[in-house]
Amino acid sequence: MVYGRLLGQNLSVAGKIFEIDRPVNLIGRGKDCTIVVLDPSVSRMHAKITVDEESRLRVEDLRSSNGSFLNDQRIESGYLRHGDRVRSGNVEFVVELAEEFRQNIDADIVHAKGNRGLVLWILLVALVVGGGGWLTYYLFLRPDPMAPGWIAAFDGYEQGLAKLGEGVKEDFLEDKLEFAEQQIKAQNWAAALDTFNRLATADPKNQEVKDGITRVNMELTAKKAFGEAKEAEKKNDYATSIKNLKAIPKESAYYAGAQEDLKALMSVKEELKKVAASACKQGSNAECLSFLKQAQAIDPTDAELNASIKKLEGGK
């Protein structure tokens, strides 16, 4: 039975029609989705549209990276009316309900969270415990994908379901790894590290997750060093500033900024040498020596500078 259709409005779905003809319809980039949408803003398992016992269509976000929207309002879930606009990431559809299902929906139902009642919960739990399969568990019991042990819930089922469960695990991991990469690009280190740490709980042997944790920790250390370098420079503590700047590795997002600051400090060194020379000409040897030592802290390898300091110190 066809309950309705999604009419693609833009990007890769423009002009395409997707029929809602089953009780559960997954939207996303994943190959196991009912409605496959090839767009980078759409997660591998982005949203689902379910048909309830009264043939009403309900859309629900599946913890996607870029969110699900109903008539431009970001939602976790909501019931669909004929003519509604549904958006997954940047990809938009218009809802067209079958003629026989275009009934009005009470406002309270529109905002309902979709609780199905104690009897249905007991039935679903019984299905899962009795081997009803990961699909029932995932689609209806709505586990928290980031909770420790979530992926482990797919383990232990009969061999016939193992491959399908593994595919869902892979999509889940790839989707969250993609989210973590987005946070890294935005330099939201705390959010990226939290995502990697929670993925490590779910899949402790995943090398990409381990590498992500190492990478983010490196960036957090580099960020600290960069901040301390800035503070030291404000206090004219050039030795500490340069030490921190040089400690920032090439792989870091802060490396380019550190190199720019080091270059700028070389200009400061030349200015300090000029000020020192002026003080020496005026006979202010102590002041001259002070400026030269500040310049030396910036560049201890400057032979001419070191010779001038040695000469002044020897003449005290």
C-alpha atoms as a PDB file:
ATOM      1  CA  MET A   1       0.000   0.000   0.000  1.00  0.00           C
ATOM      2  CA  VAL A   2       1.248   3.497  -0.844  1.00  0.00           C
ATOM      3  CA  TYR A   3       0.645   5.833   2.101  1.00  0.00           C
ATOM      4  CA  GLY A   4       2.167   8.866   0.470  1.00  0.00           C
ATOM      5  CA  ARG A   5       5.126  10.237  -1.449  1.00  0.00           C
ATOM      6  CA  LEU A   6       8.083  12.544  -0.938  1.00  0.00           C
ATOM      7  CA  LEU A   7       8.573  14.949  -3.837  1.00  0.00           C
ATOM      8  CA  GLY A   8      12.240  15.984  -4.153  1.00  0.00           C
ATOM      9  CA  GLN A   9      12.654  19.757  -4.348  1.00  0.00           C
ATOM     10  CA  ASN A  10      16.374  20.503  -4.687  1.00  0.00           C
ATOM     11  CA  LEU A  11      19.956  19.267  -5.074  1.00  0.00           C
ATOM     12  CA  SER A  12      20.315  15.560  -5.928  1.00  0.00           C
ATOM     13  CA  VAL A  13      16.600  14.781  -5.388  1.00  0.00           C
ATOM     14  CA  ALA A  14      15.138  17.598  -7.495  1.00  0.00           C
ATOM     15  CA  GLY A  15      12.212  16.207  -9.500  1.00  0.00           C
ATOM     16  CA  LYS A  16      12.472  12.733  -7.981  1.00  0.00           C
ATOM     17  CA  ILE A  17       9.545  10.948  -6.325  1.00  0.00           C
ATOM     18  CA  PHE A  18       9.944   8.558  -3.396  1.00  0.00           C
ATOM     19  CA  GLU A  19       6.965   6.428  -2.389  1.00  0.00           C
ATOM     20  CA  ILE A  20       6.184   5.708   1.263  1.00  0.00           C
ATOM     21  CA  ASP A  21       4.913   2.169   0.880  1.00  0.00           C
ATOM     22  CA  ARG A  22       6.108   0.323   3.978  1.00  0.00           C
ATOM     23  CA  PRO A  23       5.669   0.739   7.746  1.00  0.00           C
ATOM     24  CA  VAL A  24       9.274   1.886   8.258  1.00  0.00           C
ATOM     25  CA  ASN A  25      11.181   3.981   5.704  1.00  0.00           C
ATOM     26  CA  LEU A  26      14.801   4.979   6.364  1.00  0.00           C
ATOM     27  CA  ILE A  27      16.207   8.172   4.787  1.00  0.00           C
ATOM     28  CA  GLY A  28      19.965   8.563   4.337  1.00  0.00           C
ATOM     29  CA  ARG A  29      23.086   7.912   2.297  1.00  0.00           C
ATOM     30  CA  GLY A  30      23.450   4.314   3.487  1.00  0.00           C
ATOM     31  CA  LYS A  31      22.858   1.510   1.030  1.00  0.00           C
ATOM     32  CA  ASP A  32      20.368  -0.117   3.415  1.00  0.00           C
ATOM     33  CA  CYS A  33      18.094   2.954   3.452  1.00  0.00           C
ATOM     34  CA  THR A  34      14.682   2.881   1.815  1.00  0.00           C
ATOM     35  CA  ILE A  35      15.155   6.404   0.461  1.00  0.00           C
ATOM     36  CA  VAL A  36      18.790   6.824  -0.582  1.00  0.00           C
ATOM     37  CA  VAL A  37      19.886  10.469  -0.774  1.00  0.00           C
ATOM     38  CA  LEU A  38      23.414  11.087  -2.063  1.00  0.00           C
ATOM     39  CA  ASP A  39      24.301  14.420  -0.513  1.00  0.00           C
ATOM     40  CA  PRO A  40      27.149  15.264   1.930  1.00  0.00           C
ATOM     41  CA  SER A  41      24.766  17.078   4.292  1.00  0.00           C
ATOM     42  CA  VAL A  42      22.735  13.872   4.755  1.00  0.00           C
ATOM     43  CA  SER A  43      23.913  11.274   7.270  1.00  0.00           C
ATOM     44  CA  ARG A  44      24.119   7.597   6.373  1.00  0.00           C
ATOM     45  CA  MET A  45      21.057   6.967   8.541  1.00  0.00           C
ATOM     46  CA  HIS A  46      19.535  10.412   8.793  1.00  0.00           C
ATOM     47  CA  ALA A  47      15.822  10.011   9.530  1.00  0.00           C
ATOM     48  CA  LYS A  48      12.959   7.580   9.326  1.00  0.00           C
ATOM     49  CA  ILE A  49       9.309   7.863   8.378  1.00  0.00           C
ATOM     50  CA  THR A  50       7.008   5.373  10.082  1.00  0.00           C
ATOM     51  CA  VAL A  51       3.335   4.618   9.535  1.00  0.00           C
ATOM     52  CA  ASP A  52       1.372   4.151  12.767  1.00  0.00           C
ATOM     53  CA  GLU A  53      -1.633   1.962  13.425  1.00  0.00           C
ATOM     54  CA  GLU A  54      -3.954   4.750  12.225  1.00  0.00           C
ATOM     55  CA  SER A  55      -1.998   5.179   8.965  1.00  0.00           C
ATOM     56  CA  ARG A  56      -0.489   8.482  10.064  1.00  0.00           C
ATOM     57  CA  LEU A  57       3.019   9.298   8.863  1.00  0.00           C
ATOM     58  CA  ARG A  58       5.589  10.293  11.474  1.00  0.00           C
ATOM     59  CA  VAL A  59       9.111  11.562  10.738  1.00  0.00           C
ATOM     60  CA  GLU A  60      11.896  11.099  13.294  1.00  0.00           C
ATOM     61  CA  ASP A  61      15.498  12.284  13.268  1.00  0.00           C
ATOM     62  CA  LEU A  62      18.059   9.509  13.900  1.00  0.00           C
ATOM     63  CA  ARG A  63      20.611  11.685  15.695  1.00  0.00           C
ATOM     64  CA  SER A  64      21.880  13.003  12.376  1.00  0.00           C
ATOM     65  CA  SER A  65      24.799  15.416  12.172  1.00  0.00           C
ATOM     66  CA  ASN A  66      22.912  18.182  10.339  1.00  0.00           C
ATOM     67  CA  GLY A  67      19.424  17.654  11.712  1.00  0.00           C
ATOM     68  CA  SER A  68      15.917  17.067  10.385  1.00  0.00           C
ATOM     69  CA  PHE A  69      13.427  19.874   9.762  1.00  0.00           C
ATOM     70  CA  LEU A  70       9.666  20.060   9.393  1.00  0.00           C
ATOM     71  CA  ASN A  71       8.458  23.283   7.782  1.00  0.00           C
ATOM     72  CA  ASP A  72      11.848  24.895   8.637  1.00  0.00           C
ATOM     73  CA  GLN A  73      11.647  23.925  12.331  1.00  0.00           C
ATOM     74  CA  ARG A  74      14.321  21.535  13.581  1.00  0.00           C
ATOM     75  CA  ILE A  75      12.642  18.504  15.135  1.00  0.00           C
ATOM     76  CA  GLU A  76      13.296  15.227  16.864  1.00  0.00           C
ATOM     77  CA  SER A  77       9.979  13.872  15.619  1.00  0.00           C
ATOM     78  CA  GLY A  78       6.647  15.038  14.244  1.00  0.00           C
ATOM     79  CA  TYR A  79       3.570  13.890  12.329  1.00  0.00           C
ATOM     80  CA  LEU A  80       3.256  14.807   8.654  1.00  0.00           C
ATOM     81  CA  ARG A  81       0.403  16.626   6.932  1.00  0.00           C
ATOM     82  CA  HIS A  82      -0.240  16.823   3.219  1.00  0.00           C
ATOM     83  CA  GLY A  83       1.898  19.643   1.776  1.00  0.00           C
ATOM     84  CA  ASP A  84       4.428  19.737   4.628  1.00  0.00           C
ATOM     85  CA  ARG A  85       8.069  20.430   3.793  1.00  0.00           C
ATOM     86  CA  VAL A  86      10.572  17.949   5.220  1.00  0.00           C
ATOM     87  CA  ARG A  87      14.310  18.614   5.111  1.00  0.00           C
ATOM     88  CA  SER A  88      17.201  16.266   5.855  1.00  0.00           C
ATOM     89  CA  GLY A  89      20.355  18.355   6.104  1.00  0.00           C
ATOM     90  CA  ASN A  90      20.120  20.600   3.010  1.00  0.00           C
ATOM     91  CA  VAL A  91      17.878  18.258   0.995  1.00  0.00           C
ATOM     92  CA  GLU A  92      14.193  19.186   0.945  1.00  0.00           C
ATOM     93  CA  PHE A  93      11.041  17.223   0.108  1.00  0.00           C
ATOM     94  CA  VAL A  94       7.342  18.076  -0.056  1.00  0.00           C
ATOM     95  CA  VAL A  95       4.972  15.558   1.523  1.00  0.00           C
ATOM     96  CA  GLU A  96       2.111  14.256  -0.600  1.00  0.00           C
ATOM     97  CA  LEU A  97      -0.260  11.992   1.332  1.00  0.00           C
ATOM     98  CA  ALA A  98      -2.466   9.461  -0.406  1.00  0.00           C
ATOM     99  CA  GLU A  99      -6.011  10.772  -0.795  1.00  0.00           C
ATOM    100  CA  GLU A 100      -7.516   8.400   1.770  1.00  0.00           C
ATOM    101  CA  PHE A 101      -4.996   9.454   4.445  1.00  0.00           C
ATOM    102  CA  ARG A 102      -5.321  13.239   4.186  1.00  0.00           C
ATOM    103  CA  GLN A 103      -7.175  13.580   7.474  1.00  0.00           C
ATOM    104  CA  ASN A 104      -6.556  16.409   9.911  1.00  0.00           C
ATOM    105  CA  ILE A 105      -4.181  15.719  12.805  1.00  0.00           C
ATOM    106  CA  ASP A 106      -4.834  17.147  16.249  1.00  0.00           C
ATOM    107  CA  ALA A 107      -2.246  19.730  17.336  1.00  0.00           C
ATOM    108  CA  ASP A 108      -1.312  17.654  20.355  1.00  0.00           C
ATOM    109  CA  ILE A 109      -0.532  14.736  18.086  1.00  0.00           C
ATOM    110  CA  VAL A 110       1.703  16.908  15.895  1.00  0.00           C
ATOM    111  CA  HIS A 111       3.967  17.609  18.855  1.00  0.00           C
ATOM    112  CA  ALA A 112       3.684  14.202  20.441  1.00  0.00           C
ATOM    113  CA  LYS A 113       6.798  12.194  21.132  1.00  0.00           C
ATOM    114  CA  GLY A 114       5.201   9.076  19.758  1.00  0.00           C
ATOM    115  CA  ASN A 115       4.889   7.045  22.957  1.00  0.00           C
ATOM    116  CA  ARG A 116       3.345   3.733  22.040  1.00  0.00           C
ATOM    117  CA  GLY A 117       2.087   2.512  25.392  1.00  0.00           C
ATOM    118  CA  LEU A 118       3.136  -0.128  27.835  1.00  0.00           C
ATOM    119  CA  VAL A 119       1.637  -3.023  25.892  1.00  0.00           C
ATOM    120  CA  LEU A 120       3.610  -2.196  22.736  1.00  0.00           C
ATOM    121  CA  TRP A 121       6.834  -1.780  24.719  1.00  0.00           C
ATOM    122  CA  ILE A 122       6.357  -5.171  26.333  1.00  0.00           C
ATOM    123  CA  LEU A 123       5.668  -6.698  22.939  1.00  0.00           C
ATOM    124  CA  LEU A 124       8.752  -5.148  21.381  1.00  0.00           C
ATOM    125  CA  VAL A 125      11.008  -6.147  24.268  1.00  0.00           C
ATOM    126  CA  ALA A 126       9.671  -9.685  23.964  1.00  0.00           C
ATOM    127  CA  LEU A 127      10.459  -9.666  20.243  1.00  0.00           C
ATOM    128  CA  VAL A 128      14.016  -8.519  20.862  1.00  0.00           C
ATOM    129  CA  VAL A 129      14.697 -10.903  23.727  1.00  0.00           C
ATOM    130  CA  GLY A 130      13.108 -13.736  21.784  1.00  0.00           C
ATOM    131  CA  GLY A 131      15.315 -13.153  18.727  1.00  0.00           C
ATOM    132  CA  GLY A 132      12.987 -10.815  16.797  1.00  0.00           C
ATOM    133  CA  GLY A 133      16.091  -9.121  15.452  1.00  0.00           C
ATOM    134  CA  TRP A 134      18.150  -5.960  15.663  1.00  0.00           C
ATOM    135  CA  LEU A 135      15.839  -4.165  13.229  1.00  0.00           C
ATOM    136  CA  THR A 136      12.895  -4.138  15.638  1.00  0.00           C
ATOM    137  CA  TYR A 137      15.207  -3.053  18.453  1.00  0.00           C
ATOM    138  CA  TYR A 138      16.790  -0.247  16.438  1.00  0.00           C
ATOM    139  CA  LEU A 139      13.719   1.095  14.713  1.00  0.00           C
ATOM    140  CA  PHE A 140      11.298   1.056  17.626  1.00  0.00           C
ATOM    141  CA  LEU A 141      13.045   0.939  20.981  1.00  0.00           C
ATOM    142  CA  ARG A 142      15.213   3.870  19.899  1.00  0.00           C
ATOM    143  CA  PRO A 143      18.436   3.212  21.839  1.00  0.00           C
ATOM    144  CA  ASP A 144      20.887   6.015  22.397  1.00  0.00           C
ATOM    145  CA  PRO A 145      23.554   5.341  19.730  1.00  0.00           C
ATOM    146  CA  MET A 146      26.232   7.060  21.802  1.00  0.00           C
ATOM    147  CA  ALA A 147      25.544   5.160  24.998  1.00  0.00           C
ATOM    148  CA  PRO A 148      28.214   2.652  26.095  1.00  0.00           C
ATOM    149  CA  GLY A 149      27.395  -0.811  24.846  1.00  0.00           C
ATOM    150  CA  TRP A 150      24.988   0.347  22.115  1.00  0.00           C
ATOM    151  CA  ILE A 151      26.860  -1.405  19.351  1.00  0.00           C
ATOM    152  CA  ALA A 152      27.235  -4.474  21.524  1.00  0.00           C
ATOM    153  CA  ALA A 153      23.438  -4.806  21.348  1.00  0.00           C
ATOM    154  CA  PHE A 154      23.865  -6.010  17.772  1.00  0.00           C
ATOM    155  CA  ASP A 155      26.140  -8.871  18.816  1.00  0.00           C
ATOM    156  CA  GLY A 156      25.007 -12.365  19.670  1.00  0.00           C
ATOM    157  CA  TYR A 157      22.162 -12.708  17.136  1.00  0.00           C
ATOM    158  CA  GLU A 158      21.908 -15.617  14.782  1.00  0.00           C
ATOM    159  CA  GLN A 159      24.224 -15.724  11.809  1.00  0.00           C
ATOM    160  CA  GLY A 160      21.522 -14.800   9.318  1.00  0.00           C
ATOM    161  CA  LEU A 161      21.250 -11.301  10.857  1.00  0.00           C
ATOM    162  CA  ALA A 162      24.966 -10.777  11.463  1.00  0.00           C
ATOM    163  CA  LYS A 163      25.782  -9.223   8.098  1.00  0.00           C
ATOM    164  CA  LEU A 164      22.918  -6.762   8.214  1.00  0.00           C
ATOM    165  CA  GLY A 165      23.752  -5.792  11.792  1.00  0.00           C
ATOM    166  CA  GLU A 166      27.389  -5.234  10.819  1.00  0.00           C
ATOM    167  CA  GLY A 167      26.289  -2.932   8.012  1.00  0.00           C
ATOM    168  CA  VAL A 168      24.346  -0.799  10.471  1.00  0.00           C
ATOM    169  CA  LYS A 169      27.342  -0.693  12.809  1.00  0.00           C
ATOM    170  CA  GLU A 170      29.583   0.476   9.987  1.00  0.00           C
ATOM    171  CA  ASP A 171      27.139   3.183   8.941  1.00  0.00           C
ATOM    172  CA  PHE A 172      26.804   4.343  12.535  1.00  0.00           C
ATOM    173  CA  LEU A 173      30.572   4.516  13.055  1.00  0.00           C
ATOM    174  CA  GLU A 174      31.217   6.269   9.752  1.00  0.00           C
ATOM    175  CA  ASP A 175      28.497   8.791  10.455  1.00  0.00           C
ATOM    176  CA  LYS A 176      29.880   9.659  13.904  1.00  0.00           C
ATOM    177  CA  LEU A 177      33.465   9.730  12.608  1.00  0.00           C
ATOM    178  CA  GLU A 178      32.281  12.186   9.973  1.00  0.00           C
ATOM    179  CA  PHE A 179      30.705  14.317  12.700  1.00  0.00           C
ATOM    180  CA  ALA A 180      33.972  14.234  14.682  1.00  0.00           C
ATOM    181  CA  GLU A 181      35.888  15.388  11.595  1.00  0.00           C
ATOM    182  CA  GLN A 182      33.478  18.291  11.203  1.00  0.00           C
ATOM    183  CA  GLN A 183      34.186  19.296  14.796  1.00  0.00           C
ATOM    184  CA  ILE A 184      37.938  19.086  14.157  1.00  0.00           C
ATOM    185  CA  LYS A 185      37.631  21.372  11.122  1.00  0.00           C
ATOM    186  CA  ALA A 186      35.705  23.846  13.274  1.00  0.00           C
ATOM    187  CA  GLN A 187      38.342  23.421  16.040  1.00  0.00           C
ATOM    188  CA  ASN A 188      35.644  22.294  18.465  1.00  0.00           C
ATOM    189  CA  TRP A 189      38.144  20.053  20.214  1.00  0.00           C
ATOM    190  CA  ALA A 190      35.985  19.208  23.237  1.00  0.00           C
ATOM    191  CA  ALA A 191      33.080  18.020  21.065  1.00  0.00           C
ATOM    192  CA  ALA A 192      35.423  16.011  18.824  1.00  0.00           C
ATOM    193  CA  LEU A 193      37.166  14.354  21.781  1.00  0.00           C
ATOM    194  CA  ASP A 194      33.843  13.522  23.429  1.00  0.00           C
ATOM    195  CA  THR A 195      32.645  11.850  20.225  1.00  0.00           C
ATOM    196  CA  PHE A 196      35.867   9.859  19.802  1.00  0.00           C
ATOM    197  CA  ASN A 197      35.872   8.766  23.456  1.00  0.00           C
ATOM    198  CA  ARG A 198      32.303   7.530  23.243  1.00  0.00           C
ATOM    199  CA  LEU A 199      33.045   5.709  20.002  1.00  0.00           C
ATOM    200  CA  ALA A 200      36.043   4.107  21.717  1.00  0.00           C
ATOM    201  CA  THR A 201      33.649   2.745  24.323  1.00  0.00           C
ATOM    202  CA  ALA A 202      31.490   1.278  21.577  1.00  0.00           C
ATOM    203  CA  ASP A 203      34.346  -0.025  19.414  1.00  0.00           C
ATOM    204  CA  PRO A 204      37.619  -0.072  21.412  1.00  0.00           C
ATOM    205  CA  LYS A 205      39.644  -1.769  18.645  1.00  0.00           C
ATOM    206  CA  ASN A 206      38.835   0.768  15.937  1.00  0.00           C
ATOM    207  CA  GLN A 207      42.171   2.268  14.822  1.00  0.00           C
ATOM    208  CA  GLU A 208      40.565   5.338  13.247  1.00  0.00           C
ATOM    209  CA  VAL A 209      38.958   6.154  16.578  1.00  0.00           C
ATOM    210  CA  LYS A 210      42.280   5.682  18.402  1.00  0.00           C
ATOM    211  CA  ASP A 211      44.040   7.932  15.887  1.00  0.00           C
ATOM    212  CA  GLY A 212      41.303  10.535  16.315  1.00  0.00           C
ATOM    213  CA  ILE A 213      41.800  10.625  20.083  1.00  0.00           C
ATOM    214  CA  THR A 214      45.571  11.019  19.645  1.00  0.00           C
ATOM    215  CA  ARG A 215      45.067  13.780  17.091  1.00  0.00           C
ATOM    216  CA  VAL A 216      42.635  15.783  19.214  1.00  0.00           C
ATOM    217  CA  ASN A 217      44.832  15.466  22.313  1.00  0.00           C
ATOM    218  CA  MET A 218      47.744  16.785  20.248  1.00  0.00           C
ATOM    219  CA  GLU A 219      45.638  19.756  19.158  1.00  0.00           C
ATOM    220  CA  LEU A 220      44.568  20.473  22.739  1.00  0.00           C
ATOM    221  CA  THR A 221      48.221  20.486  23.811  1.00  0.00           C
ATOM    222  CA  ALA A 222      49.110  22.752  20.878  1.00  0.00           C
ATOM    223  CA  LYS A 223      46.251  25.101  21.720  1.00  0.00           C
ATOM    224  CA  LYS A 224      47.505  25.389  25.289  1.00  0.00           C
ATOM    225  CA  ALA A 225      51.064  26.065  24.110  1.00  0.00           C
ATOM    226  CA  PHE A 226      49.848  28.702  21.641  1.00  0.00           C
ATOM    227  CA  GLY A 227      47.833  30.472  24.338  1.00  0.00           C
ATOM    228  CA  GLU A 228      50.726  30.410  26.807  1.00  0.00           C
ATOM    229  CA  ALA A 229      53.038  31.806  24.123  1.00  0.00           C
ATOM    230  CA  LYS A 230      50.688  34.736  23.583  1.00  0.00           C
ATOM    231  CA  GLU A 231      50.509  35.455  27.308  1.00  0.00           C
ATOM    232  CA  ALA A 232      54.289  35.251  27.710  1.00  0.00           C
ATOM    233  CA  GLU A 233      54.799  37.640  24.809  1.00  0.00           C
ATOM    234  CA  LYS A 234      52.542  40.213  26.464  1.00  0.00           C
ATOM    235  CA  LYS A 235      54.861  40.088  29.498  1.00  0.00           C
ATOM    236  CA  ASN A 236      57.975  40.408  27.299  1.00  0.00           C
ATOM    237  CA  ASP A 237      58.923  36.892  28.360  1.00  0.00           C
ATOM    238  CA  TYR A 238      60.169  36.088  24.882  1.00  0.00           C
ATOM    239  CA  ALA A 239      62.097  32.968  25.846  1.00  0.00           C
ATOM    240  CA  THR A 240      58.954  31.275  27.161  1.00  0.00           C
ATOM    241  CA  SER A 241      56.923  32.479  24.195  1.00  0.00           C
ATOM    242  CA  ILE A 242      59.366  31.064  21.649  1.00  0.00           C
ATOM    243  CA  LYS A 243      59.734  27.797  23.546  1.00  0.00           C
ATOM    244  CA  ASN A 244      55.956  27.239  23.370  1.00  0.00           C
ATOM    245  CA  LEU A 245      55.683  28.289  19.740  1.00  0.00           C
ATOM    246  CA  LYS A 246      58.472  25.950  18.654  1.00  0.00           C
ATOM    247  CA  ALA A 247      56.818  23.071  20.527  1.00  0.00           C
ATOM    248  CA  ILE A 248      53.770  23.168  18.223  1.00  0.00           C
ATOM    249  CA  PRO A 249      54.091  20.330  15.647  1.00  0.00           C
ATOM    250  CA  LYS A 250      53.675  20.771  11.891  1.00  0.00           C
ATOM    251  CA  GLU A 251      50.552  18.584  11.920  1.00  0.00           C
ATOM    252  CA  SER A 252      48.708  20.994  14.212  1.00  0.00           C
ATOM    253  CA  ALA A 253      46.088  23.501  13.133  1.00  0.00           C
ATOM    254  CA  TYR A 254      48.052  26.039  15.206  1.00  0.00           C
ATOM    255  CA  TYR A 255      51.367  25.500  13.391  1.00  0.00           C
ATOM    256  CA  ALA A 256      50.851  28.201  10.744  1.00  0.00           C
ATOM    257  CA  GLY A 257      49.913  30.743  13.408  1.00  0.00           C
ATOM    258  CA  ALA A 258      52.924  29.751  15.493  1.00  0.00           C
ATOM    259  CA  GLN A 259      55.251  30.262  12.527  1.00  0.00           C
ATOM    260  CA  GLU A 260      53.765  33.689  11.842  1.00  0.00           C
ATOM    261  CA  ASP A 261      54.322  34.668  15.483  1.00  0.00           C
ATOM    262  CA  LEU A 262      57.925  33.428  15.366  1.00  0.00           C
ATOM    263  CA  LYS A 263      58.529  35.506  12.242  1.00  0.00           C
ATOM    264  CA  ALA A 264      56.975  38.532  13.926  1.00  0.00           C
ATOM    265  CA  LEU A 265      59.219  38.023  16.949  1.00  0.00           C
ATOM    266  CA  MET A 266      62.274  38.194  14.684  1.00  0.00           C
ATOM    267  CA  SER A 267      61.103  41.662  13.693  1.00  0.00           C
ATOM    268  CA  VAL A 268      60.753  42.518  17.380  1.00  0.00           C
ATOM    269  CA  LYS A 269      64.340  41.339  17.904  1.00  0.00           C
ATOM    270  CA  GLU A 270      65.601  43.793  15.272  1.00  0.00           C
ATOM    271  CA  GLU A 271      63.646  46.636  16.868  1.00  0.00           C
ATOM    272  CA  LEU A 272      65.105  45.782  20.291  1.00  0.00           C
ATOM    273  CA  LYS A 273      68.616  45.845  18.833  1.00  0.00           C
ATOM    274  CA  LYS A 274      67.967  49.323  17.406  1.00  0.00           C
ATOM    275  CA  VAL A 275      66.652  50.595  20.744  1.00  0.00           C
ATOM    276  CA  ALA A 276      69.668  49.039  22.498  1.00  0.00           C
ATOM    277  CA  ALA A 277      72.083  50.712  20.059  1.00  0.00           C
ATOM    278  CA  SER A 278      70.464  54.076  20.747  1.00  0.00           C
ATOM    279  CA  ALA A 279      70.774  53.561  24.512  1.00  0.00           C
ATOM    280  CA  CYS A 280      74.446  52.615  24.145  1.00  0.00           C
ATOM    281  CA  LYS A 281      75.171  55.768  22.131  1.00  0.00           C
ATOM    282  CA  GLN A 282      73.672  57.806  24.952  1.00  0.00           C
ATOM    283  CA  GLY A 283      75.907  56.027  27.461  1.00  0.00           C
ATOM    284  CA  SER A 284      73.047  54.108  29.126  1.00  0.00           C
ATOM    285  CA  ASN A 285      74.888  50.797  29.187  1.00  0.00           C
ATOM    286  CA  ALA A 286      72.549  49.117  31.706  1.00  0.00           C
ATOM    287  CA  GLU A 287      69.503  49.969  29.598  1.00  0.00           C
ATOM    288  CA  CYS A 288      71.328  48.916  26.458  1.00  0.00           C
ATOM    289  CA  LEU A 289      72.222  45.556  28.003  1.00  0.00           C
ATOM    290  CA  SER A 290      68.620  45.008  29.121  1.00  0.00           C
ATOM    291  CA  PHE A 291      67.284  45.460  25.582  1.00  0.00           C
ATOM    292  CA  LEU A 292      70.003  43.295  24.089  1.00  0.00           C
ATOM    293  CA  LYS A 293      69.160  40.446  26.478  1.00  0.00           C
ATOM    294  CA  GLN A 294      65.508  40.681  25.509  1.00  0.00           C
ATOM    295  CA  ALA A 295      66.582  40.366  21.880  1.00  0.00           C
ATOM    296  CA  GLN A 296      68.859  37.460  22.816  1.00  0.00           C
ATOM    297  CA  ALA A 297      65.880  35.635  24.378  1.00  0.00           C
ATOM    298  CA  ILE A 298      64.196  35.782  20.994  1.00  0.00           C
ATOM    299  CA  ASP A 299      67.224  34.554  19.038  1.00  0.00           C
ATOM    300  CA  PRO A 300      70.068  33.036  21.117  1.00  0.00           C
ATOM    301  CA  THR A 301      71.938  32.120  17.896  1.00  0.00           C
ATOM    302  CA  ASP A 302      72.569  35.731  16.795  1.00  0.00           C
ATOM    303  CA  ALA A 303      76.394  35.897  16.961  1.00  0.00           C
ATOM    304  CA  GLU A 304      76.594  39.681  16.652  1.00  0.00           C
ATOM    305  CA  LEU A 305      74.091  40.104  19.456  1.00  0.00           C
ATOM    306  CA  ASN A 306      75.925  37.681  21.730  1.00  0.00           C
ATOM    307  CA  ALA A 307      79.229  39.482  21.131  1.00  0.00           C
ATOM    308  CA  SER A 308      77.689  42.859  22.052  1.00  0.00           C
ATOM    309  CA  ILE A 309      76.257  41.438  25.286  1.00  0.00           C
ATOM    310  CA  LYS A 310      79.597  39.840  26.187  1.00  0.00           C
ATOM    311  CA  LYS A 311      81.398  43.117  25.589  1.00  0.00           C
ATOM    312  CA  LEU A 312      78.968  45.091  27.769  1.00  0.00           C
ATOM    313  CA  GLU A 313      79.077  42.527  30.575  1.00  0.00           C
ATOM    314  CA  GLY A 314      82.856  42.495  30.474  1.00  0.00           C
ATOM    315  CA  GLY A 315      82.993  46.260  30.775  1.00  0.00           C
ATOM    316  CA  LYS A 316      80.856  46.432  33.935  1.00  0.00           C
END
